[in-house]
C-alpha atoms as a PDB file:
ATOM      1  CA  MET A   1      38.238  36.083  24.575  1.00  0.00           C
ATOM      2  CA  ARG A   2      36.738  36.990  21.170  1.00  0.00           C
ATOM      3  CA  SER A   3      38.222  33.824  19.731  1.00  0.00           C
ATOM      4  CA  LEU A   4      36.541  31.746  22.426  1.00  0.00           C
ATOM      5  CA  ALA A   5      33.213  33.468  21.780  1.00  0.00           C
ATOM      6  CA  ARG A   6      33.473  32.686  18.068  1.00  0.00           C
ATOM      7  CA  VAL A   7      34.140  29.010  18.868  1.00  0.00           C
ATOM      8  CA  VAL A   8      31.127  28.823  21.182  1.00  0.00           C
ATOM      9  CA  LEU A   9      28.902  30.544  18.593  1.00  0.00           C
ATOM     10  CA  ALA A  10      30.047  28.148  15.887  1.00  0.00           C
ATOM     11  CA  ALA A  11      29.318  25.172  18.136  1.00  0.00           C
ATOM     12  CA  VAL A  12      25.813  26.481  18.850  1.00  0.00           C
ATOM     13  CA  CYS A  13      25.118  26.980  15.127  1.00  0.00           C
ATOM     14  CA  LEU A  14      26.317  23.483  14.292  1.00  0.00           C
ATOM     15  CA  SER A  15      24.140  22.082  17.060  1.00  0.00           C
ATOM     16  CA  LEU A  16      21.071  23.915  15.719  1.00  0.00           C
ATOM     17  CA  LEU A  17      21.758  22.777  12.158  1.00  0.00           C
ATOM     18  CA  SER A  18      22.170  19.219  13.353  1.00  0.00           C
ATOM     19  CA  ALA A  19      18.905  19.366  15.278  1.00  0.00           C
ATOM     20  CA  GLY A  20      17.129  20.772  12.230  1.00  0.00           C
ATOM     21  CA  ALA A  21      18.456  17.984  10.037  1.00  0.00           C
ATOM     22  CA  SER A  22      17.341  15.397  12.580  1.00  0.00           C
ATOM     23  CA  THR A  23      13.872  16.917  12.623  1.00  0.00           C
ATOM     24  CA  VAL A  24      13.585  16.715   8.828  1.00  0.00           C
ATOM     25  CA  LEU A  25      14.659  13.081   8.803  1.00  0.00           C
ATOM     26  CA  ALA A  26      12.325  12.166  11.629  1.00  0.00           C
ATOM     27  CA  SER A  27       9.305  13.692   9.882  1.00  0.00           C
ATOM     28  CA  ALA A  28       9.935  12.063   6.501  1.00  0.00           C
ATOM     29  CA  PRO A  29       7.167   9.646   5.451  1.00  0.00           C
ATOM     30  CA  THR A  30       7.982   5.969   5.995  1.00  0.00           C
ATOM     31  CA  SER A  31       6.169   2.897   4.661  1.00  0.00           C
ATOM     32  CA  VAL A  32       5.751   0.164   7.260  1.00  0.00           C
ATOM     33  CA  LEU A  33       4.279  -3.335   7.300  1.00  0.00           C
ATOM     34  CA  VAL A  34       1.345  -3.305   9.731  1.00  0.00           C
ATOM     35  CA  GLY A  35      -0.117  -6.768   9.234  1.00  0.00           C
ATOM     36  CA  GLN A  36      -0.622  -9.737   6.962  1.00  0.00           C
ATOM     37  CA  THR A  37      -3.163 -12.472   6.391  1.00  0.00           C
ATOM     38  CA  ALA A  38      -3.139 -15.728   4.460  1.00  0.00           C
ATOM     39  CA  MET A  39      -4.764 -15.689   1.043  1.00  0.00           C
ATOM     40  CA  ASP A  40      -7.525 -18.212   0.461  1.00  0.00           C
ATOM     41  CA  PRO A  41      -5.720 -21.480  -0.474  1.00  0.00           C
ATOM     42  CA  ASN A  42      -7.865 -22.064  -3.564  1.00  0.00           C
ATOM     43  CA  VAL A  43      -7.200 -18.528  -4.793  1.00  0.00           C
ATOM     44  CA  CYS A  44      -3.498 -18.998  -4.116  1.00  0.00           C
ATOM     45  CA  LYS A  45      -3.298 -22.231  -6.111  1.00  0.00           C
ATOM     46  CA  ASP A  46      -5.402 -20.830  -8.940  1.00  0.00           C
ATOM     47  CA  LEU A  47      -3.293 -17.696  -9.398  1.00  0.00           C
ATOM     48  CA  LYS A  48      -0.029 -19.633  -9.245  1.00  0.00           C
ATOM     49  CA  SER A  49      -1.333 -22.208 -11.747  1.00  0.00           C
ATOM     50  CA  ARG A  50      -2.367 -19.479 -14.179  1.00  0.00           C
ATOM     51  CA  LEU A  51       1.004 -17.748 -13.884  1.00  0.00           C
ATOM     52  CA  VAL A  52       2.887 -20.990 -14.493  1.00  0.00           C
ATOM     53  CA  ALA A  53       0.698 -21.708 -17.527  1.00  0.00           C
ATOM     54  CA  ALA A  54       1.422 -18.239 -18.913  1.00  0.00           C
ATOM     55  CA  MET A  55       5.171 -18.747 -18.512  1.00  0.00           C
ATOM     56  CA  ARG A  56       5.004 -21.987 -20.499  1.00  0.00           C
ATOM     57  CA  THR A  57       4.136 -20.128 -23.687  1.00  0.00           C
ATOM     58  CA  PRO A  58       6.616 -18.160 -25.827  1.00  0.00           C
ATOM     59  CA  ALA A  59       4.296 -15.140 -25.769  1.00  0.00           C
ATOM     60  CA  GLY A  60       4.074 -15.279 -21.991  1.00  0.00           C
ATOM     61  CA  LYS A  61       7.828 -15.540 -21.510  1.00  0.00           C
ATOM     62  CA  ALA A  62       8.287 -12.557 -23.809  1.00  0.00           C
ATOM     63  CA  ARG A  63       6.229 -10.473 -21.383  1.00  0.00           C
ATOM     64  CA  ALA A  64       8.538 -11.055 -18.400  1.00  0.00           C
ATOM     65  CA  ASP A  65      12.227 -10.861 -17.560  1.00  0.00           C
ATOM     66  CA  ALA A  66      14.258 -14.056 -17.201  1.00  0.00           C
ATOM     67  CA  ALA A  67      14.494 -13.863 -13.399  1.00  0.00           C
ATOM     68  CA  THR A  68      10.724 -13.556 -13.003  1.00  0.00           C
ATOM     69  CA  VAL A  69      10.091 -16.396 -15.479  1.00  0.00           C
ATOM     70  CA  SER A  70      12.452 -18.626 -13.509  1.00  0.00           C
ATOM     71  CA  LYS A  71      10.785 -17.717 -10.205  1.00  0.00           C
ATOM     72  CA  ILE A  72       7.262 -18.405 -11.455  1.00  0.00           C
ATOM     73  CA  GLU A  73       8.223 -21.669 -13.154  1.00  0.00           C
ATOM     74  CA  ARG A  74       9.324 -22.996  -9.746  1.00  0.00           C
ATOM     75  CA  PHE A  75       5.941 -22.301  -8.105  1.00  0.00           C
ATOM     76  CA  HIS A  76       4.397 -25.244  -6.229  1.00  0.00           C
ATOM     77  CA  VAL A  77       0.967 -25.024  -7.809  1.00  0.00           C
ATOM     78  CA  ASN A  78      -0.614 -27.630  -5.531  1.00  0.00           C
ATOM     79  CA  ASP A  79       0.348 -25.744  -2.370  1.00  0.00           C
ATOM     80  CA  GLY A  80      -2.123 -23.044  -1.376  1.00  0.00           C
ATOM     81  CA  SER A  81      -0.559 -22.180   1.965  1.00  0.00           C
ATOM     82  CA  ASP A  82       2.206 -19.822   0.863  1.00  0.00           C
ATOM     83  CA  CYS A  83       0.322 -16.769  -0.448  1.00  0.00           C
ATOM     84  CA  LEU A  84      -0.123 -13.682   1.700  1.00  0.00           C
ATOM     85  CA  ILE A  85      -1.915 -10.337   1.592  1.00  0.00           C
ATOM     86  CA  LYS A  86       0.309  -7.820   3.385  1.00  0.00           C
ATOM     87  CA  SER A  87      -0.951  -4.486   4.702  1.00  0.00           C
ATOM     88  CA  TYR A  88       1.227  -1.372   4.589  1.00  0.00           C
ATOM     89  CA  GLU A  89       0.756   2.260   5.517  1.00  0.00           C
ATOM     90  CA  THR A  90       2.879   5.332   4.903  1.00  0.00           C
ATOM     91  CA  ARG A  91       3.243   7.373   8.061  1.00  0.00           C
ATOM     92  CA  PRO A  92       3.823  11.100   7.495  1.00  0.00           C
ATOM     93  CA  ALA A  93       4.884  13.689  10.018  1.00  0.00           C
ATOM     94  CA  SER A  94       2.581  13.817  13.023  1.00  0.00           C
ATOM     95  CA  ASN A  95      -0.361  16.207  12.923  1.00  0.00           C
ATOM     96  CA  VAL A  96      -0.939  19.392  14.820  1.00  0.00           C
ATOM     97  CA  ALA A  97      -3.409  18.234  17.450  1.00  0.00           C
ATOM     98  CA  SER A  98      -6.077  20.776  16.649  1.00  0.00           C
ATOM     99  CA  ALA A  99      -9.441  20.844  14.942  1.00  0.00           C
ATOM    100  CA  ASP A 100     -10.038  21.433  11.224  1.00  0.00           C
ATOM    101  CA  TYR A 101      -6.802  20.230   9.720  1.00  0.00           C
ATOM    102  CA  ILE A 102      -6.212  18.078   6.640  1.00  0.00           C
ATOM    103  CA  GLN A 103      -4.539  14.718   7.179  1.00  0.00           C
ATOM    104  CA  GLY A 104      -3.323  12.476   4.379  1.00  0.00           C
ATOM    105  CA  TYR A 105      -3.594   8.688   4.565  1.00  0.00           C
ATOM    106  CA  TRP A 106      -1.630   6.381   2.251  1.00  0.00           C
ATOM    107  CA  LYS A 107      -2.373   2.691   2.709  1.00  0.00           C
ATOM    108  CA  SER A 108      -1.952  -0.415   0.572  1.00  0.00           C
ATOM    109  CA  MET A 109      -2.251  -4.186   0.401  1.00  0.00           C
ATOM    110  CA  TRP A 110       0.420  -6.301  -1.314  1.00  0.00           C
ATOM    111  CA  PHE A 111      -0.092  -9.706  -2.942  1.00  0.00           C
ATOM    112  CA  SER A 112       2.702 -12.171  -2.160  1.00  0.00           C
ATOM    113  CA  LEU A 113       2.639 -15.485  -4.076  1.00  0.00           C
ATOM    114  CA  GLU A 114       5.157 -17.982  -2.723  1.00  0.00           C
ATOM    115  CA  GLY A 115       7.459 -15.119  -1.776  1.00  0.00           C
ATOM    116  CA  TRP A 116       7.061 -13.285  -5.103  1.00  0.00           C
ATOM    117  CA  ASN A 117       5.572  -9.793  -4.848  1.00  0.00           C
ATOM    118  CA  ALA A 118       2.945  -9.728  -7.596  1.00  0.00           C
ATOM    119  CA  GLY A 119       1.837  -6.152  -6.919  1.00  0.00           C
ATOM    120  CA  SER A 120      -0.296  -3.993  -4.676  1.00  0.00           C
ATOM    121  CA  ILE A 121      -3.560  -2.082  -4.421  1.00  0.00           C
ATOM    122  CA  HIS A 122      -3.461   1.434  -2.920  1.00  0.00           C
ATOM    123  CA  VAL A 123      -6.033   3.820  -1.436  1.00  0.00           C
ATOM    124  CA  ASP A 124      -4.767   7.357  -0.736  1.00  0.00           C
ATOM    125  CA  VAL A 125      -6.996  10.101   0.635  1.00  0.00           C
ATOM    126  CA  GLY A 126      -6.830  13.448   2.407  1.00  0.00           C
ATOM    127  CA  MET A 127      -9.413  13.958   5.144  1.00  0.00           C
ATOM    128  CA  VAL A 128     -10.510  17.128   6.914  1.00  0.00           C
ATOM    129  CA  ILE A 129     -10.415  16.305  10.620  1.00  0.00           C
ATOM    130  CA  THR A 130     -12.615  18.436  12.870  1.00  0.00           C
ATOM    131  CA  GLY A 131     -12.496  16.513  16.118  1.00  0.00           C
ATOM    132  CA  TYR A 132     -15.958  15.064  15.563  1.00  0.00           C
ATOM    133  CA  SER A 133     -16.015  14.204  11.835  1.00  0.00           C
ATOM    134  CA  ALA A 134     -13.777  13.178   8.934  1.00  0.00           C
ATOM    135  CA  THR A 135     -14.552  14.405   5.406  1.00  0.00           C
ATOM    136  CA  ALA A 136     -12.669  13.721   2.171  1.00  0.00           C
ATOM    137  CA  ASN A 137     -10.756  16.774   0.928  1.00  0.00           C
ATOM    138  CA  TRP A 138      -8.720  15.167  -1.862  1.00  0.00           C
ATOM    139  CA  GLY A 139      -9.115  11.730  -3.342  1.00  0.00           C
ATOM    140  CA  PRO A 140      -9.548   9.000  -2.655  1.00  0.00           C
ATOM    141  CA  ASN A 141      -7.079   7.817  -5.278  1.00  0.00           C
ATOM    142  CA  CYS A 142      -7.264   4.068  -5.844  1.00  0.00           C
ATOM    143  CA  TYR A 143      -4.679   2.366  -8.049  1.00  0.00           C
ATOM    144  CA  PHE A 144      -2.498  -0.690  -8.598  1.00  0.00           C
ATOM    145  CA  GLN A 145       1.261  -1.042  -8.752  1.00  0.00           C
ATOM    146  CA  TRP A 146       2.096  -4.260 -10.602  1.00  0.00           C
ATOM    147  CA  ASN A 147       5.512  -5.917 -10.853  1.00  0.00           C
ATOM    148  CA  LEU A 148       4.496  -7.804 -14.006  1.00  0.00           C
ATOM    149  CA  PRO A 149       1.686  -5.719 -15.548  1.00  0.00           C
ATOM    150  CA  ALA A 150       1.794  -7.513 -18.901  1.00  0.00           C
ATOM    151  CA  ILE A 151       0.830 -10.767 -17.145  1.00  0.00           C
ATOM    152  CA  PHE A 152      -0.819  -9.938 -13.816  1.00  0.00           C
ATOM    153  CA  GLY A 153      -3.281  -7.050 -13.974  1.00  0.00           C
ATOM    154  CA  GLY A 154      -6.606  -5.788 -12.729  1.00  0.00           C
ATOM    155  CA  GLY A 155      -9.104  -2.981 -12.496  1.00  0.00           C
ATOM    156  CA  ILE A 156     -11.044  -0.807 -10.052  1.00  0.00           C
ATOM    157  CA  THR A 157     -14.825  -1.174  -9.775  1.00  0.00           C
ATOM    158  CA  TRP A 158     -15.390   1.225  -6.860  1.00  0.00           C
ATOM    159  CA  CYS A 159     -13.275   3.836  -5.089  1.00  0.00           C
ATOM    160  CA  GLY A 160     -14.710   6.024  -2.357  1.00  0.00           C
ATOM    161  CA  VAL A 161     -15.225   6.863   1.310  1.00  0.00           C
ATOM    162  CA  TRP A 162     -18.080   5.068   2.999  1.00  0.00           C
ATOM    163  CA  ASN A 163     -19.948   7.197   5.574  1.00  0.00           C
ATOM    164  CA  ASN A 164     -18.015  10.281   4.449  1.00  0.00           C
ATOM    165  CA  GLY A 165     -18.462  13.327   6.688  1.00  0.00           C
ATOM    166  CA  ASN A 166     -19.259  11.393   9.851  1.00  0.00           C
ATOM    167  CA  TRP A 167     -17.332  10.336  12.953  1.00  0.00           C
ATOM    168  CA  TYR A 168     -16.466   6.896  11.547  1.00  0.00           C
ATOM    169  CA  THR A 169     -15.542   6.608   7.861  1.00  0.00           C
ATOM    170  CA  GLU A 170     -14.045   3.915   5.635  1.00  0.00           C
ATOM    171  CA  PRO A 171     -11.929   4.869   2.622  1.00  0.00           C
ATOM    172  CA  GLY A 172     -11.602   1.891   0.327  1.00  0.00           C
ATOM    173  CA  THR A 173     -11.904   0.207  -3.035  1.00  0.00           C
ATOM    174  CA  ASN A 174     -13.409  -2.820  -4.783  1.00  0.00           C
ATOM    175  CA  TYR A 175     -11.229  -4.342  -7.479  1.00  0.00           C
ATOM    176  CA  TYR A 176     -10.548  -7.403  -9.626  1.00  0.00           C
ATOM    177  CA  VAL A 177      -7.406  -9.143 -10.822  1.00  0.00           C
ATOM    178  CA  PHE A 178      -6.603 -11.387 -13.784  1.00  0.00           C
ATOM    179  CA  VAL A 179      -3.721 -13.363 -15.256  1.00  0.00           C
ATOM    180  CA  TRP A 180      -2.942 -13.082 -18.981  1.00  0.00           C
ATOM    181  CA  PRO A 181      -4.113 -14.409 -21.411  1.00  0.00           C
ATOM    182  CA  ASN A 182      -7.438 -15.188 -19.699  1.00  0.00           C
ATOM    183  CA  VAL A 183      -8.186 -11.591 -18.796  1.00  0.00           C
ATOM    184  CA  TRP A 184     -11.903 -12.389 -18.666  1.00  0.00           C
ATOM    185  CA  ALA A 185     -11.390 -14.869 -15.795  1.00  0.00           C
ATOM    186  CA  THR A 186     -11.212 -12.391 -12.936  1.00  0.00           C
ATOM    187  CA  ARG A 187     -11.110 -12.651  -9.174  1.00  0.00           C
ATOM    188  CA  SER A 188     -12.675  -9.922  -7.056  1.00  0.00           C
ATOM    189  CA  GLY A 189     -11.342  -8.294  -3.912  1.00  0.00           C
ATOM    190  CA  TYR A 190     -11.774  -5.311  -1.651  1.00  0.00           C
ATOM    191  CA  MET A 191      -9.710  -3.111   0.655  1.00  0.00           C
ATOM    192  CA  ARG A 192     -10.871  -0.866   3.487  1.00  0.00           C
ATOM    193  CA  TYR A 193      -9.507   1.089   6.427  1.00  0.00           C
ATOM    194  CA  CYS A 194     -11.108   3.438   8.929  1.00  0.00           C
ATOM    195  CA  VAL A 195     -10.562   7.125   9.667  1.00  0.00           C
ATOM    196  CA  GLU A 196     -12.265   8.614  12.709  1.00  0.00           C
ATOM    197  CA  GLY A 197     -13.240  12.179  13.544  1.00  0.00           C
ATOM    198  CA  GLN A 198     -10.185  12.786  15.699  1.00  0.00           C
ATOM    199  CA  GLY A 199      -7.813  11.673  12.927  1.00  0.00           C
ATOM    200  CA  VAL A 200      -7.189   8.175  14.255  1.00  0.00           C
ATOM    201  CA  SER A 201      -7.026   5.516  11.538  1.00  0.00           C
ATOM    202  CA  CYS A 202      -6.883   1.723  11.562  1.00  0.00           C
ATOM    203  CA  TYR A 203      -4.818  -0.714   9.555  1.00  0.00           C
ATOM    204  CA  PRO A 204      -6.057  -1.806   6.099  1.00  0.00           C
ATOM    205  CA  TRP A 205      -8.083  -5.001   5.791  1.00  0.00           C
ATOM    206  CA  GLY A 206      -9.653  -6.853   2.904  1.00  0.00           C
ATOM    207  CA  SER A 207      -9.578 -10.040   0.879  1.00  0.00           C
ATOM    208  CA  LEU A 208      -9.163 -11.508  -2.598  1.00  0.00           C
ATOM    209  CA  GLY A 209     -11.679 -14.186  -3.499  1.00  0.00           C
END
């Protein structure tokens, strides 16, 4: 009888441990694609043309690995229909549905040129949610992640939360990008998303012109 009790107890413990592990995995942050839009065709062709030109110089090739050089050299520079801006968000564990809690938002937009991921712009922020307003608690942090930073780069001209402290807010950034060596020839873009007073947020949107 004692032996049977020990077996049952062990089974219960294993079941609880398994449930705990499942809970941890389920609450882990995950980055998901939430939308995409076509880049302006003229911008697409211009960026691809500049990248191809950079790869045709010894100095440019020295700034990239062989696989990336090969990929860029095969770009169809007269086709402006194959560049995308993809929107992602990282979804953390769900909130406690109560007033006055801090919720983090991690959202980004990725630049895809003919299937090559050039990089991404990110806006991360923690908002105090009260049920009727959203107010920045940490951040926003606005930054790039480039796959070829020695060739394709950029900068931030504004990073903030529009209408901060109200029911409807918009964390976001204004930025510019360039292609080496003509770092002075920039193209400007922006990224925004909304956070409402009950913690609801919308997908990122923006453009690169």
